[in-house]
Protein backbone atom coordinates (compact mmCIF):
# COMPACT_ATOMS: atom_id res chain seq x y z
CA UNK A 1 7.36 -21.78 -5.66
CA UNK A 2 5.86 -17.90 -4.90
CA UNK A 3 7.79 -15.67 -2.91
CA UNK A 4 5.71 -14.79 -0.05
CA UNK A 5 6.61 -13.59 3.47
CA UNK A 6 4.79 -14.58 6.50
CA UNK A 7 1.40 -12.53 6.80
CA UNK A 8 0.41 -10.17 9.23
CA UNK A 9 -2.81 -7.93 9.80
CA UNK A 10 -1.70 -4.26 9.35
CA UNK A 11 -4.14 -1.73 8.01
CA UNK A 12 -2.08 1.14 7.01
CA UNK A 13 0.09 -0.71 9.33
CA UNK A 14 3.98 -0.66 9.20
CA UNK A 15 6.81 -1.63 6.96
CA UNK A 16 9.05 -3.35 10.03
CA UNK A 17 9.69 -6.33 7.58
CA UNK A 18 11.10 -4.08 5.20
CA UNK A 19 13.47 -2.41 7.22
CA UNK A 20 16.74 -2.95 6.17
CA UNK A 21 16.91 -4.01 2.44
CA UNK A 22 16.55 -0.67 0.49
CA UNK A 23 14.17 1.53 -0.63
CA UNK A 24 12.95 -0.18 -3.86
CA UNK A 25 9.69 -2.41 -4.19
CA UNK A 26 11.92 -5.03 -5.57
CA UNK A 27 14.23 -5.13 -2.60
CA UNK A 28 11.21 -6.35 -0.64
CA UNK A 29 10.58 -9.60 -3.00
CA UNK A 30 13.95 -11.64 -2.34
CA UNK A 31 17.32 -10.64 -0.70
CA UNK A 32 19.33 -11.33 -3.44
CA UNK A 33 17.80 -9.22 -6.01
CA UNK A 34 15.88 -10.80 -8.24
CA UNK A 35 13.90 -8.82 -10.09
CA UNK A 36 10.36 -7.78 -9.06
CA UNK A 37 7.61 -9.78 -11.08
CA UNK A 38 4.14 -8.58 -11.03
CA UNK A 39 0.87 -9.54 -12.97
CA UNK A 40 -1.37 -6.99 -13.19
CA UNK A 41 -5.09 -7.68 -13.94
CA UNK A 42 -7.85 -5.43 -15.68
CA UNK A 43 -9.95 -5.62 -18.94
CA UNK A 44 -9.81 -1.81 -19.22
CA UNK A 45 -6.46 -2.00 -21.75
CA UNK A 46 -5.98 1.74 -21.12
CA UNK A 47 -5.82 1.35 -17.36
CA UNK A 48 -3.95 -1.56 -17.51
CA UNK A 49 -1.36 0.51 -19.64
CA UNK A 50 -1.51 3.10 -17.28
CA UNK A 51 -0.38 0.68 -14.20
CA UNK A 52 2.27 -0.56 -15.92
CA UNK A 53 3.83 2.79 -17.12
CA UNK A 54 3.64 3.67 -13.41
CA UNK A 55 5.05 0.63 -11.95
CA UNK A 56 7.82 0.56 -14.63
CA UNK A 57 8.71 4.33 -13.54
CA UNK A 58 8.26 3.20 -9.58
CA UNK A 59 11.16 0.23 -9.66
CA UNK A 60 13.82 -0.05 -12.37
CA UNK A 61 13.99 -3.73 -14.48
CA UNK A 62 10.24 -4.82 -12.50
CA UNK A 63 9.21 -7.66 -14.98
CA UNK A 64 5.50 -7.00 -15.80
CA UNK A 65 2.83 -9.51 -17.03
CA UNK A 66 -0.44 -8.54 -18.41
CA UNK A 67 -4.18 -10.32 -18.06
CA UNK A 68 -7.78 -8.45 -19.56
CA UNK A 69 -9.64 -11.55 -18.01
CA UNK A 70 -9.77 -13.77 -15.10
CA UNK A 71 -9.10 -17.63 -17.33
CA UNK A 72 -5.72 -15.62 -18.44
CA UNK A 73 -4.84 -13.95 -14.96
CA UNK A 74 -4.95 -17.77 -13.40
CA UNK A 75 -3.11 -19.32 -16.29
CA UNK A 76 -0.25 -17.01 -16.00
CA UNK A 77 -0.03 -16.81 -12.46
CA UNK A 78 0.15 -20.89 -12.70
CA UNK A 79 2.63 -20.87 -15.37
CA UNK A 80 5.23 -18.11 -13.66
CA UNK A 81 5.91 -19.41 -10.13
CA UNK A 82 8.29 -16.74 -9.50
CA UNK A 83 5.70 -13.92 -9.24
CA UNK A 84 5.60 -11.79 -6.25
CA UNK A 85 2.25 -10.28 -6.40
CA UNK A 86 -0.82 -9.78 -8.14
CA UNK A 87 -3.11 -6.79 -8.92
CA UNK A 88 -6.88 -8.06 -9.89
CA UNK A 89 -9.28 -6.04 -10.99
CA UNK A 90 -12.32 -7.27 -8.79
CA UNK A 91 -14.66 -6.46 -12.28
CA UNK A 92 -13.23 -8.20 -15.41
CA UNK A 93 -15.14 -10.48 -18.25
CA UNK A 94 -15.23 -14.19 -17.65
CA UNK A 95 -15.43 -14.30 -13.70
CA UNK A 96 -16.89 -11.85 -11.15
CA UNK A 97 -13.75 -10.84 -8.98
CA UNK A 98 -14.76 -12.50 -5.63
CA UNK A 99 -14.67 -15.91 -7.63
CA UNK A 100 -11.61 -14.56 -9.57
CA UNK A 101 -9.96 -13.94 -5.97
CA UNK A 102 -10.39 -17.03 -4.43
CA UNK A 103 -9.59 -19.21 -7.53
CA UNK A 104 -5.94 -17.48 -7.33
CA UNK A 105 -5.47 -18.57 -4.20
CA UNK A 106 -6.38 -22.05 -4.59
CA UNK A 107 -4.05 -21.92 -7.35
CA UNK A 108 -1.51 -20.38 -5.69
CA UNK A 109 -1.81 -20.28 -1.89
CA UNK A 110 1.35 -18.69 -1.29
CA UNK A 111 0.72 -15.88 -3.88
CA UNK A 112 -0.38 -12.61 -2.66
CA UNK A 113 -3.29 -10.96 -4.03
CA UNK A 114 -3.57 -7.17 -3.99
CA UNK A 115 -7.20 -5.95 -5.33
CA UNK A 116 -7.63 -3.12 -7.91
CA UNK A 117 -11.03 -1.31 -7.01
CA UNK A 118 -13.23 1.32 -8.73
CA UNK A 119 -14.58 1.17 -5.70
CA UNK A 120 -14.45 3.45 -2.73
CA UNK A 121 -16.89 1.43 -0.62
CA UNK A 122 -15.56 0.49 2.86
CA UNK A 123 -17.10 -2.34 2.64
CA UNK A 124 -16.19 -3.65 -0.47
CA UNK A 125 -12.37 -3.14 1.05
CA UNK A 126 -13.35 -5.04 4.44
CA UNK A 127 -14.85 -7.91 1.97
CA UNK A 128 -11.51 -8.20 -0.08
CA UNK A 129 -9.50 -8.54 3.14
CA UNK A 130 -11.70 -11.47 4.88
CA UNK A 131 -11.59 -13.09 1.90
CA UNK A 132 -8.07 -13.26 1.90
CA UNK A 133 -6.48 -10.51 -0.24
CA UNK A 134 -3.24 -9.02 1.00
CA UNK A 135 -4.61 -5.73 -0.27
CA UNK A 136 -7.44 -3.11 -1.45
CA UNK A 137 -6.07 -0.40 -3.80
CA UNK A 138 -8.49 2.04 -4.95
CA UNK A 139 -7.72 2.73 -8.83
CA UNK A 140 -7.09 6.63 -7.66
CA UNK A 141 -4.07 5.82 -5.35
CA UNK A 142 -1.52 7.61 -6.54
CA UNK A 143 1.90 6.49 -7.39
CA UNK A 144 3.95 7.17 -4.25
CA UNK A 145 1.03 5.04 -2.30
CA UNK A 146 0.89 2.65 -4.68
CA UNK A 147 4.78 1.85 -3.80
CA UNK A 148 4.01 2.04 0.18
CA UNK A 149 1.40 -0.37 -0.43
CA UNK A 150 3.46 -3.01 -2.48
CA UNK A 151 6.19 -2.90 0.18
CA UNK A 152 3.99 -3.18 3.09
CA UNK A 153 2.26 -6.47 1.34
CA UNK A 154 5.58 -7.78 0.58
CA UNK A 155 6.91 -7.43 4.26
CA UNK A 156 4.12 -9.41 4.83
CA UNK A 157 1.26 -6.69 5.69
CA UNK A 158 -1.99 -6.17 4.59
CA UNK A 159 -2.82 -3.00 3.03
CA UNK A 160 -5.97 -0.74 2.59
CA UNK A 161 -5.88 2.88 1.87
CA UNK A 162 -6.10 5.25 4.61
CA UNK A 163 -9.67 7.08 3.46
CA UNK A 164 -11.29 3.67 3.27
CA UNK A 165 -11.08 2.86 7.15
CA UNK A 166 -10.96 6.67 8.14
CA UNK A 167 -13.81 7.89 10.12
CA UNK A 168 -13.89 11.43 7.70
CA UNK A 169 -15.98 11.52 4.71
CA UNK A 170 -14.28 11.26 1.49
CA UNK A 171 -14.06 13.88 -0.73
CA UNK A 172 -13.58 16.46 2.17
CA UNK A 173 -12.02 19.47 0.03
CA UNK A 174 -8.34 20.42 -0.88
CA UNK A 175 -5.61 19.59 1.60
CA UNK A 176 -4.81 22.59 4.04
CA UNK A 177 -2.63 23.30 6.96
CA UNK A 178 -4.42 21.41 9.90
CA UNK A 179 -6.98 20.07 7.76
CA UNK A 180 -6.89 16.94 9.99
CA UNK A 181 -7.02 18.96 13.53
CA UNK A 182 -10.33 20.76 12.10
CA UNK A 183 -12.39 18.60 12.08
CA UNK A 184 -14.03 16.52 14.90
CA UNK A 185 -12.52 13.51 13.11
CA UNK A 186 -8.57 14.25 13.75
CA UNK A 187 -8.14 11.84 16.52
CA UNK A 188 -9.81 9.17 14.76
CA UNK A 189 -7.59 9.79 11.98
CA UNK A 190 -4.51 10.06 13.71
CA UNK A 191 -5.07 6.83 15.78
CA UNK A 192 -5.21 4.60 12.33
CA UNK A 193 -0.99 4.99 12.27
CA UNK A 194 0.73 2.51 13.50
CA UNK A 195 3.49 3.19 16.44
CA UNK A 196 6.18 2.89 14.27
CA UNK A 197 4.58 5.91 11.63
CA UNK A 198 4.23 7.84 15.15
CA UNK A 199 7.69 7.50 16.26
CA UNK A 200 8.98 8.66 12.45
CA UNK A 201 5.98 12.11 12.96
CA UNK A 202 7.53 12.75 16.40
CA UNK A 203 11.06 12.45 14.81
CA UNK A 204 10.13 14.39 11.82
CA UNK A 205 8.60 17.32 13.59
CA UNK A 206 11.73 17.43 15.52
CA UNK A 207 13.62 18.29 12.44
CA UNK A 208 15.43 14.91 11.68
CA UNK A 209 15.78 14.25 7.58
CA UNK A 210 14.55 11.30 5.54
CA UNK A 211 18.22 9.71 6.22
CA UNK A 212 18.35 10.53 9.73
CA UNK A 213 15.24 9.17 10.92
CA UNK A 214 16.25 6.14 9.08
CA UNK A 215 19.20 6.21 10.84
CA UNK A 216 17.81 6.82 14.31
CA UNK A 217 15.26 3.98 13.63
CA UNK A 218 17.66 1.38 12.17
CA UNK A 219 15.12 1.33 8.80
CA UNK A 220 15.96 2.25 5.37
CA UNK A 221 15.30 5.30 3.40
CA UNK A 222 12.85 3.43 1.42
CA UNK A 223 11.00 2.14 4.27
CA UNK A 224 10.73 6.01 5.83
CA UNK A 225 9.42 7.49 2.44
CA UNK A 226 6.76 4.69 2.47
CA UNK A 227 5.65 5.91 6.31
CA UNK A 228 5.74 9.16 5.38
CA UNK A 229 3.27 8.90 2.09
CA UNK A 230 0.63 6.79 4.94
CA UNK A 231 1.10 9.43 7.29
CA UNK A 232 0.46 12.45 4.87
CA UNK A 233 -2.67 10.38 3.61
CA UNK A 234 -3.97 9.91 6.63
CA UNK A 235 -3.28 13.45 8.35
CA UNK A 236 -4.60 14.59 5.30
CA UNK A 237 -1.54 16.92 4.66
CA UNK A 238 0.50 17.68 2.01
CA UNK A 239 3.96 18.30 3.36
CA UNK A 240 6.27 18.11 6.63
CA UNK A 241 5.32 21.31 7.72
CA UNK A 242 1.69 20.67 7.63
CA UNK A 243 1.77 16.79 9.47
CA UNK A 244 4.16 18.42 12.04
CA UNK A 245 1.65 21.36 12.25
CA UNK A 246 -1.57 19.10 12.86
CA UNK A 247 0.27 16.80 15.23
CA UNK A 248 1.23 19.65 17.54
CA UNK A 249 -2.63 20.68 17.06
CA UNK A 250 -3.64 17.03 18.15
CA UNK A 251 -1.46 16.96 20.64
CA UNK A 252 0.64 13.71 19.31
CA UNK A 253 3.46 15.22 20.24
CA UNK A 254 2.67 14.54 23.92
CA UNK A 255 2.17 11.03 23.36
CA UNK A 256 4.15 8.61 25.02
């Protein structure tokens, strides 16, 4: 059977279920330490190879399968019942992405499918999630956020990148300290953070290291790092200092 945690609806949400099994993506797939197995489906060989190489760098020992069209993706998913997750391009030969998603879900109902897309249209992300996808990852996503997305999905969450659900416009320019606070959408962006991510942010602003934050919250170091990756993206900052500044300027340190 495909290995999948129970589904919970978390937009950019917390990796609560990931808490005690280590920081690697693989640790969330199965407690016994079985290597993570991922199917990457994209008809563009160069992009597919880039994703595969990125996943190898993010996760030691990961088993990667590749498909260049919808039919091959379906065949491989059915032939490998130990698959942990599928990364599916919406635009591949042989079928449109929505049909491909539907066929995969019917053939392998417990297998989480994360959509890979060049689109940054929030409507496409919402349509994918409404259709049952476990996540929506844009092709511009950085490696550290891809790791966070996979951790979240494997812990039972649903991942949508912050820029697609944020009220702020895309492409707002280079990052700078206080960028989120300087805009009228700062609090709207901060509201996207889960309660656990706010806890991480508050502890970080008090000067605790990632290890100390993990000890206080009873979660693994990798889980803390995954939360921080999302926090930085949501607040539009690059590091701990900028995040702490935004937190103070938005008054988040006053929140209960």
